Amino acid sequence: MRTKAEIGNSEWFGGLPKGWNMVPLSALFRFSKGLSITKADLVKMGKPVISYGQIHSKQNIGVELRESLLRRVPNDLAGETSPSRVLSNGFVFADTSEDLEGCGNNVRNDSSHALYGGYHTVVLNPRRDFNSKYLAYLFTTDAWRLQIRRDLVDVKLFSVNQTSLNETYVVIPPTDVQKSIVSYLDERCAAIDEDVAKRREVIEKLKEYKRSLIAHAVTKGLDPDAEMRDSGVEWIGEVPADWEIVPVKADVAIGHGSDPVLSGDIPVWGSGNEPFKTCGEYKEGPVILLGRKGTLDCPQLVVGRYWNVDTAFDAKIKSGNLDLKFFYYAATCIDIKPFATNTAKPSMTQFDWANSKIARPPLSEQRRIVSYLDERCADIDEAISRQEQLIEKLGEYRRSIIHHAVAGKIDCSEA
């Protein structure tokens, strides 16, 4: 492994065009830590702050500061002379990342307003005037981030501290070239971002259609001519006359999760929509995982061995009157708002889930509904996947043109 001094040459960059210079990042910025705050310190009104969670958000493109990323802290925690204050054209880097790809994620303060680095951040404030937007584009490239990543080992959390940033180098073209690069990238990235935004809208419409399709099937059935009656449950509305309205506990046993102790390759689930680590303990599926704390509206059907921590309940069918897959579809529609407590992290108790009501058709009809939804949802999921693949390709193209522009491989003054 090469030393940081060896990385200081232009090898990571691929060779410097004539008139371009490579300088230490420390020559351009002063480094300091973000505020020593926690989520408990956040308020609705106060000084704007950005912490590592928002920096890692998919909404953050690094080059500009989006209002949706900001949180607030009380004024007395963020003084005007605080070293955690981010000046105009300064940057805030996340100092930890759960994966190597996120090492180097940052955001540029492109405004003149007060901004503070929050928890798990490193603040970079400029020592002198320069084109910070050019650097913002450079900071997004894998080539530049290689300097940070190459010394990191495979751990649960990767650390990007002041020392590692202090030892990196940046490539500085002549001022007029920087302006040309920024103008070129602004135009092309805006077009790509617009295309991505439209595709995300398509994805949201497809997801909403899927939700409505499931909700209609598990409450109204497949027969448009069926005689209907009032269910007495607001979110369910009218149901076919021969359907029953039952609490979840009538057919489902709900168990608690716990933290694993052993290491292994069994997927560990919380309340999110995918496993977040592995362990050595296991339970046998199939099972429906229901959120206890955090994300409550995305039950998961898990087949095979699994483990769930205490932010998720595991639900298994205990009677012969309910199909597991039908319950999964029904659980995605249960109105959780009356049960979710008014806290920073919404939560539901075992009692809340057990006493939630669902519409229960005859078992044979449940299975017809499951077959129908499996087929229709697979088509929708495929359409969503195609859009996501196109978004990924657009992201790759965006990263490619940024790299080629900041590496001087494109004459941006003529492009």
Protein backbone atom coordinates (compact mmCIF):
# COMPACT_ATOMS: atom_id res chain seq x y z
CA MET A 1 0.00 0.00 0.00
CA ARG A 2 1.37 3.40 -0.97
CA THR A 3 1.84 6.24 1.47
CA LYS A 4 -0.18 9.44 1.46
CA ALA A 5 2.89 11.26 0.18
CA GLU A 6 2.96 9.01 -2.87
CA ILE A 7 -0.70 9.67 -3.45
CA GLY A 8 0.15 13.36 -3.55
CA ASN A 9 1.39 13.05 -7.11
CA SER A 10 -0.96 13.04 -10.09
CA GLU A 11 -1.15 9.26 -10.49
CA TRP A 12 -4.61 8.98 -8.91
CA PHE A 13 -5.77 11.70 -11.28
CA GLY A 14 -4.32 10.26 -14.48
CA GLY A 15 -1.86 13.02 -15.41
CA LEU A 16 -2.12 16.81 -15.24
CA PRO A 17 -2.93 18.93 -18.31
CA LYS A 18 -0.52 21.77 -18.98
CA GLY A 19 -1.06 24.73 -16.67
CA TRP A 20 -2.95 22.68 -14.05
CA ASN A 21 -1.61 22.37 -10.50
CA MET A 22 -2.05 19.87 -7.69
CA VAL A 23 -2.17 21.35 -4.20
CA PRO A 24 -2.89 19.94 -0.72
CA LEU A 25 -6.49 20.36 0.39
CA SER A 26 -5.12 21.89 3.59
CA ALA A 27 -3.77 24.82 1.55
CA LEU A 28 -7.33 25.77 0.62
CA PHE A 29 -9.30 24.95 3.77
CA ARG A 30 -9.26 25.06 7.55
CA PHE A 31 -10.67 21.94 9.18
CA SER A 32 -12.87 21.65 12.27
CA LYS A 33 -15.40 19.30 13.84
CA GLY A 34 -19.15 19.64 13.60
CA LEU A 35 -21.32 20.44 16.60
CA SER A 36 -21.42 17.92 19.44
CA ILE A 37 -25.16 17.38 19.26
CA THR A 38 -27.58 14.47 19.12
CA LYS A 39 -30.98 13.99 17.50
CA ALA A 40 -32.52 14.99 20.83
CA ASP A 41 -31.14 18.52 20.32
CA LEU A 42 -33.04 19.09 17.07
CA VAL A 43 -35.90 21.61 17.12
CA LYS A 44 -38.39 23.01 14.61
CA MET A 45 -37.04 26.59 14.75
CA GLY A 46 -33.40 27.58 15.14
CA LYS A 47 -30.06 27.61 13.35
CA PRO A 48 -29.72 25.36 10.27
CA VAL A 49 -27.50 22.33 10.69
CA ILE A 50 -26.59 19.39 8.49
CA SER A 51 -25.38 16.08 9.91
CA TYR A 52 -23.98 12.92 8.38
CA GLY A 53 -27.40 11.33 7.85
CA GLN A 54 -28.53 14.14 5.57
CA ILE A 55 -25.17 14.21 3.78
CA HIS A 56 -25.62 10.52 2.93
CA SER A 57 -29.19 11.14 1.75
CA LYS A 58 -30.03 10.36 -1.89
CA GLN A 59 -31.36 13.92 -2.12
CA ASN A 60 -27.85 15.30 -1.63
CA ILE A 61 -25.97 15.82 -4.89
CA GLY A 62 -23.08 17.62 -3.12
CA VAL A 63 -22.81 20.55 -5.49
CA GLU A 64 -25.63 22.60 -3.96
CA LEU A 65 -27.31 22.75 -0.55
CA ARG A 66 -30.94 21.70 -0.64
CA GLU A 67 -33.35 23.04 1.94
CA SER A 68 -34.85 19.58 2.47
CA LEU A 69 -31.53 18.41 3.94
CA LEU A 70 -31.43 20.97 6.73
CA ARG A 71 -32.37 20.39 10.35
CA ARG A 72 -32.46 22.97 13.18
CA VAL A 73 -30.76 23.40 16.55
CA PRO A 74 -31.38 25.99 19.30
CA ASN A 75 -29.58 29.29 18.76
CA ASP A 76 -27.53 28.87 21.94
CA LEU A 77 -25.91 25.71 20.55
CA ALA A 78 -24.67 27.44 17.39
CA GLY A 79 -22.79 30.67 17.99
CA GLU A 80 -21.59 33.07 15.30
CA THR A 81 -17.93 32.34 16.14
CA SER A 82 -18.33 28.59 16.44
CA PRO A 83 -15.67 26.63 14.49
CA SER A 84 -18.54 24.40 13.37
CA ARG A 85 -20.07 27.24 11.38
CA VAL A 86 -19.81 26.65 7.64
CA LEU A 87 -18.92 29.79 5.71
CA SER A 88 -20.08 30.51 2.19
CA ASN A 89 -18.25 28.20 -0.25
CA GLY A 90 -17.31 25.90 2.62
CA PHE A 91 -18.00 22.18 2.74
CA VAL A 92 -19.33 19.68 5.26
CA PHE A 93 -18.08 16.08 5.02
CA ALA A 94 -19.65 13.08 6.73
CA ASP A 95 -16.98 11.61 9.01
CA THR A 96 -18.46 8.09 9.00
CA SER A 97 -20.01 5.85 6.37
CA GLU A 98 -21.55 2.39 6.44
CA ASP A 99 -20.00 1.56 3.07
CA LEU A 100 -16.91 2.45 1.09
CA GLU A 101 -18.94 4.21 -1.60
CA GLY A 102 -20.14 6.81 0.91
CA CYS A 103 -16.62 7.72 2.06
CA GLY A 104 -16.12 11.28 0.84
CA ASN A 105 -19.79 12.28 0.75
CA ASN A 106 -20.14 15.99 1.40
CA VAL A 107 -22.22 19.06 0.69
CA ARG A 108 -21.22 22.55 -0.39
CA ASN A 109 -22.63 25.64 1.25
CA ASP A 110 -23.52 27.61 -1.85
CA SER A 111 -25.36 30.30 0.13
CA SER A 112 -24.33 33.19 2.32
CA HIS A 113 -26.67 32.10 5.12
CA ALA A 114 -25.61 30.64 8.43
CA LEU A 115 -25.05 26.88 8.37
CA TYR A 116 -23.48 24.53 10.91
CA GLY A 117 -21.94 21.11 10.63
CA GLY A 118 -23.79 18.66 12.85
CA TYR A 119 -22.94 15.33 14.43
CA HIS A 120 -20.39 13.11 12.72
CA THR A 121 -19.18 15.82 10.36
CA VAL A 122 -15.98 17.62 9.42
CA VAL A 123 -16.28 21.28 8.45
CA LEU A 124 -14.00 22.74 5.75
CA ASN A 125 -13.91 26.54 5.60
CA PRO A 126 -12.03 28.33 2.80
CA ARG A 127 -8.74 30.09 3.50
CA ARG A 128 -9.11 32.23 0.35
CA ASP A 129 -11.41 32.84 -2.62
CA PHE A 130 -11.65 30.14 -5.28
CA ASN A 131 -14.25 28.43 -7.43
CA SER A 132 -15.83 26.15 -4.86
CA LYS A 133 -18.31 24.70 -7.33
CA TYR A 134 -15.47 23.28 -9.41
CA LEU A 135 -14.15 21.58 -6.26
CA ALA A 136 -17.65 20.33 -5.44
CA TYR A 137 -17.73 18.53 -8.76
CA LEU A 138 -14.19 17.19 -8.20
CA PHE A 139 -15.17 15.87 -4.75
CA THR A 140 -17.89 13.68 -6.31
CA THR A 141 -15.42 11.69 -8.42
CA ASP A 142 -14.14 8.25 -7.51
CA ALA A 143 -10.69 9.38 -8.65
CA TRP A 144 -10.46 12.04 -5.95
CA ARG A 145 -12.09 9.83 -3.29
CA LEU A 146 -9.55 7.10 -3.98
CA GLN A 147 -7.17 9.07 -1.78
CA ILE A 148 -9.52 8.61 1.18
CA ARG A 149 -10.70 5.10 0.44
CA ARG A 150 -7.45 3.30 -0.26
CA ASP A 151 -6.28 3.35 3.37
CA LEU A 152 -9.61 2.24 4.81
CA VAL A 153 -10.12 -1.32 5.98
CA ASP A 154 -13.28 -3.41 5.77
CA VAL A 155 -15.08 -2.54 8.98
CA LYS A 156 -18.69 -1.99 10.01
CA LEU A 157 -18.23 1.80 9.95
CA PHE A 158 -15.67 3.61 7.81
CA SER A 159 -14.14 6.72 9.33
CA VAL A 160 -13.22 9.83 7.32
CA ASN A 161 -11.57 12.17 9.79
CA GLN A 162 -9.75 15.50 9.61
CA THR A 163 -6.40 13.76 9.23
CA SER A 164 -7.44 11.72 6.20
CA LEU A 165 -8.94 14.80 4.52
CA ASN A 166 -5.93 16.93 5.43
CA GLU A 167 -3.63 14.56 3.54
CA THR A 168 -5.56 14.66 0.27
CA TYR A 169 -4.73 16.72 -2.79
CA VAL A 170 -6.88 18.58 -5.29
CA VAL A 171 -6.32 19.47 -8.92
CA ILE A 172 -6.61 23.18 -9.72
CA PRO A 173 -6.91 24.26 -13.38
CA PRO A 174 -6.49 27.89 -14.45
CA THR A 175 -9.39 30.11 -13.34
CA ASP A 176 -10.94 30.44 -16.80
CA VAL A 177 -10.82 26.66 -17.25
CA GLN A 178 -12.55 26.14 -13.90
CA LYS A 179 -15.36 28.44 -15.03
CA SER A 180 -15.71 26.58 -18.33
CA ILE A 181 -15.84 23.23 -16.54
CA VAL A 182 -18.51 24.43 -14.11
CA SER A 183 -20.62 25.94 -16.90
CA TYR A 184 -20.34 22.75 -18.96
CA LEU A 185 -21.24 20.49 -16.04
CA ASP A 186 -24.06 22.71 -14.79
CA GLU A 187 -25.80 22.46 -18.16
CA ARG A 188 -25.34 18.73 -18.68
CA CYS A 189 -25.98 17.67 -15.11
CA ALA A 190 -29.16 19.76 -15.00
CA ALA A 191 -30.48 17.88 -18.04
CA ILE A 192 -29.61 14.52 -16.47
CA ASP A 193 -31.11 15.51 -13.11
CA GLU A 194 -34.34 16.57 -14.83
CA ASP A 195 -34.56 13.21 -16.58
CA VAL A 196 -33.92 11.39 -13.29
CA ALA A 197 -36.58 13.46 -11.51
CA LYS A 198 -39.17 12.55 -14.15
CA ARG A 199 -38.33 8.87 -13.82
CA ARG A 200 -38.64 9.07 -10.04
CA GLU A 201 -42.10 10.56 -10.54
CA VAL A 202 -43.00 7.59 -12.73
CA ILE A 203 -41.75 5.23 -10.01
CA GLU A 204 -43.87 6.98 -7.36
CA LYS A 205 -46.96 6.74 -9.57
CA LEU A 206 -46.32 3.04 -10.13
CA LYS A 207 -45.91 2.48 -6.39
CA GLU A 208 -49.11 4.36 -5.67
CA TYR A 209 -50.95 2.31 -8.29
CA LYS A 210 -49.60 -0.87 -6.70
CA ARG A 211 -50.79 0.24 -3.26
CA SER A 212 -54.28 1.04 -4.56
CA LEU A 213 -54.45 -2.27 -6.45
CA ILE A 214 -53.58 -4.24 -3.31
CA ALA A 215 -55.95 -2.22 -1.10
CA HIS A 216 -58.86 -2.77 -3.48
CA ALA A 217 -58.21 -6.50 -3.81
CA VAL A 218 -57.91 -7.21 -0.06
CA THR A 219 -61.01 -5.18 0.83
CA LYS A 220 -63.31 -5.48 -2.20
CA GLY A 221 -62.23 -8.76 -3.78
CA LEU A 222 -62.17 -9.60 -7.48
CA ASP A 223 -65.89 -9.86 -8.22
CA PRO A 224 -67.26 -6.44 -9.25
CA ASP A 225 -70.84 -7.73 -8.89
CA ALA A 226 -70.47 -9.02 -5.33
CA GLU A 227 -73.08 -7.91 -2.79
CA MET A 228 -71.42 -5.45 -0.40
CA ARG A 229 -71.88 -4.45 3.24
CA ASP A 230 -70.31 -1.90 5.56
CA SER A 231 -67.29 -3.30 7.41
CA GLY A 232 -67.48 -0.86 10.30
CA VAL A 233 -63.76 -0.14 9.85
CA GLU A 234 -62.92 3.19 8.24
CA TRP A 235 -59.89 2.15 6.19
CA ILE A 236 -61.59 -1.02 4.95
CA GLY A 237 -64.92 0.52 3.96
CA GLU A 238 -67.42 -1.79 2.28
CA VAL A 239 -66.60 -5.48 1.85
CA PRO A 240 -68.32 -8.41 0.12
CA ALA A 241 -71.22 -9.65 2.26
CA ASP A 242 -69.68 -13.07 2.94
CA TRP A 243 -66.34 -11.68 4.18
CA GLU A 244 -65.55 -11.50 7.89
CA ILE A 245 -63.93 -8.61 9.76
CA VAL A 246 -61.50 -10.01 12.30
CA PRO A 247 -58.65 -8.75 14.50
CA VAL A 248 -55.19 -9.87 13.41
CA LYS A 249 -54.81 -11.84 16.64
CA ALA A 250 -57.61 -14.21 15.59
CA ASP A 251 -55.29 -15.92 13.10
CA VAL A 252 -51.80 -14.56 13.71
CA ALA A 253 -49.24 -15.09 16.50
CA ILE A 254 -47.01 -12.05 16.94
CA GLY A 255 -43.57 -12.43 18.55
CA HIS A 256 -40.84 -10.06 19.65
CA GLY A 257 -37.36 -9.64 18.19
CA SER A 258 -34.05 -9.36 20.03
CA ASP A 259 -30.42 -8.49 19.40
CA PRO A 260 -28.33 -11.39 18.06
CA VAL A 261 -25.22 -12.58 19.87
CA LEU A 262 -23.47 -14.93 17.44
CA SER A 263 -21.74 -14.10 14.17
CA GLY A 264 -22.84 -15.76 10.96
CA ASP A 265 -24.54 -15.31 7.60
CA ILE A 266 -28.21 -15.20 8.63
CA PRO A 267 -29.90 -11.97 7.46
CA VAL A 268 -30.96 -9.68 10.30
CA TRP A 269 -34.08 -7.57 9.83
CA GLY A 270 -35.37 -4.49 11.57
CA SER A 271 -38.37 -2.42 10.55
CA GLY A 272 -36.84 -1.43 7.20
CA ASN A 273 -37.34 -3.01 3.80
CA GLU A 274 -34.10 -5.00 3.71
CA PRO A 275 -31.70 -6.77 6.11
CA PHE A 276 -29.07 -4.50 7.63
CA LYS A 277 -26.52 -7.08 8.85
CA THR A 278 -26.01 -10.82 9.46
CA CYS A 279 -25.74 -13.06 12.52
CA GLY A 280 -25.41 -16.68 13.67
CA GLU A 281 -28.81 -17.18 15.30
CA TYR A 282 -31.86 -17.93 13.20
CA LYS A 283 -35.60 -18.52 13.10
CA GLU A 284 -37.38 -20.40 10.35
CA GLY A 285 -39.66 -18.65 7.90
CA PRO A 286 -41.88 -18.03 6.14
CA VAL A 287 -42.87 -15.10 8.31
CA ILE A 288 -44.29 -11.60 8.03
CA LEU A 289 -42.20 -8.93 9.75
CA LEU A 290 -44.18 -6.01 11.17
CA GLY A 291 -42.59 -2.74 12.24
CA ARG A 292 -42.46 -1.98 15.96
CA LYS A 293 -40.43 1.22 15.80
CA GLY A 294 -39.33 3.43 12.93
CA THR A 295 -40.75 2.31 9.59
CA LEU A 296 -44.22 0.90 10.24
CA ASP A 297 -45.80 0.85 6.80
CA CYS A 298 -43.71 -1.74 4.96
CA PRO A 299 -44.34 -5.28 6.28
CA GLN A 300 -41.92 -7.82 4.80
CA LEU A 301 -42.54 -11.40 3.72
CA VAL A 302 -39.41 -13.39 4.55
CA VAL A 303 -38.86 -16.96 3.36
CA GLY A 304 -36.14 -19.16 4.85
CA ARG A 305 -33.96 -18.47 7.85
CA TYR A 306 -33.94 -15.01 9.39
CA TRP A 307 -33.47 -13.03 12.58
CA ASN A 308 -35.36 -9.94 13.70
CA VAL A 309 -34.22 -7.34 16.20
CA ASP A 310 -36.58 -5.56 18.60
CA THR A 311 -37.65 -2.91 16.08
CA ALA A 312 -39.71 -5.57 14.27
CA PHE A 313 -42.26 -8.19 15.32
CA ASP A 314 -42.44 -11.57 13.57
CA ALA A 315 -45.94 -12.72 12.66
CA LYS A 316 -46.89 -16.31 11.83
CA ILE A 317 -50.24 -17.84 10.95
CA LYS A 318 -51.68 -19.92 13.81
CA SER A 319 -55.03 -20.94 12.28
CA GLY A 320 -56.23 -22.58 9.10
CA ASN A 321 -58.43 -19.62 8.19
CA LEU A 322 -55.84 -17.19 6.85
CA ASP A 323 -53.35 -17.50 4.01
CA LEU A 324 -49.91 -16.10 4.92
CA LYS A 325 -49.45 -14.25 1.64
CA PHE A 326 -52.96 -12.79 1.84
CA PHE A 327 -52.15 -11.51 5.32
CA TYR A 328 -48.95 -9.96 3.96
CA TYR A 329 -50.90 -8.03 1.34
CA ALA A 330 -53.55 -7.02 3.89
CA ALA A 331 -50.89 -5.91 6.41
CA THR A 332 -49.45 -3.44 3.88
CA CYS A 333 -52.83 -1.68 3.88
CA ILE A 334 -53.62 -1.52 7.61
CA ASP A 335 -54.13 2.07 8.71
CA ILE A 336 -51.32 2.60 11.21
CA LYS A 337 -52.01 6.27 11.96
CA PRO A 338 -54.36 5.67 14.93
CA PHE A 339 -51.74 3.45 16.57
CA ALA A 340 -48.47 5.24 15.81
CA THR A 341 -47.44 7.25 18.86
CA ASN A 342 -46.56 10.90 18.56
CA THR A 343 -42.79 10.56 18.98
CA ALA A 344 -39.70 11.26 16.89
CA LYS A 345 -39.79 7.59 15.87
CA PRO A 346 -43.32 6.26 15.26
CA SER A 347 -43.97 3.01 17.10
CA MET A 348 -46.65 0.34 17.46
CA THR A 349 -47.03 -2.17 20.24
CA GLN A 350 -47.73 -5.87 19.94
CA PHE A 351 -51.23 -5.08 21.24
CA ASP A 352 -51.76 -2.49 18.48
CA TRP A 353 -50.91 -4.93 15.69
CA ALA A 354 -52.83 -7.80 17.29
CA ASN A 355 -56.02 -5.73 17.55
CA SER A 356 -55.83 -4.17 14.10
CA LYS A 357 -58.66 -5.45 11.95
CA ILE A 358 -58.53 -6.94 8.47
CA ALA A 359 -61.12 -8.26 6.04
CA ARG A 360 -61.00 -12.06 5.82
CA PRO A 361 -62.58 -13.70 2.76
CA PRO A 362 -63.11 -17.46 2.50
CA LEU A 363 -59.74 -19.24 2.20
CA SER A 364 -60.27 -20.22 -1.44
CA GLU A 365 -60.96 -16.60 -2.35
CA GLN A 366 -57.89 -15.45 -0.42
CA ARG A 367 -55.77 -17.69 -2.62
CA ARG A 368 -57.37 -16.39 -5.82
CA ILE A 369 -56.64 -12.84 -4.67
CA VAL A 370 -53.04 -13.77 -3.87
CA SER A 371 -52.55 -15.28 -7.34
CA TYR A 372 -54.04 -12.17 -8.95
CA LEU A 373 -51.89 -9.79 -6.90
CA ASP A 374 -48.73 -11.84 -7.40
CA GLU A 375 -49.11 -11.56 -11.16
CA ARG A 376 -50.12 -7.90 -11.26
CA CYS A 377 -47.55 -6.77 -8.69
CA ALA A 378 -44.77 -8.63 -10.52
CA ASP A 379 -45.57 -6.61 -13.66
CA ILE A 380 -45.51 -3.35 -11.69
CA ASP A 381 -42.28 -4.30 -9.91
CA GLU A 382 -40.68 -5.05 -13.28
CA ALA A 383 -41.72 -1.63 -14.59
CA ILE A 384 -40.28 0.00 -11.46
CA SER A 385 -37.06 -1.99 -11.84
CA ARG A 386 -36.66 -0.80 -15.45
CA GLN A 387 -36.95 2.81 -14.34
CA GLU A 388 -34.48 2.24 -11.51
CA GLN A 389 -32.00 0.66 -13.92
CA LEU A 390 -32.31 3.66 -16.24
CA ILE A 391 -31.75 6.00 -13.27
CA GLU A 392 -28.63 4.02 -12.37
CA LYS A 393 -27.32 4.32 -15.94
CA LEU A 394 -28.00 8.05 -15.91
CA GLY A 395 -26.08 8.27 -12.64
CA GLU A 396 -23.16 6.42 -14.19
CA TYR A 397 -23.23 8.77 -17.18
CA ARG A 398 -23.36 11.79 -14.86
CA ARG A 399 -20.34 10.55 -12.91
CA SER A 400 -18.50 9.84 -16.16
CA ILE A 401 -18.91 13.31 -17.64
CA ILE A 402 -17.95 14.93 -14.34
CA HIS A 403 -14.77 12.83 -14.17
CA HIS A 404 -13.80 13.57 -17.76
CA ALA A 405 -14.48 17.30 -17.32
CA VAL A 406 -12.51 17.79 -14.08
CA ALA A 407 -9.69 15.60 -15.42
CA GLY A 408 -9.26 17.84 -18.46
CA LYS A 409 -10.24 15.10 -20.91
CA ILE A 410 -12.92 17.35 -22.41
CA ASP A 411 -12.34 20.85 -23.75
CA CYS A 412 -15.28 22.40 -21.94
CA SER A 413 -14.76 25.79 -23.55
CA GLU A 414 -15.75 24.31 -26.92
CA ALA A 415 -18.10 21.50 -25.83
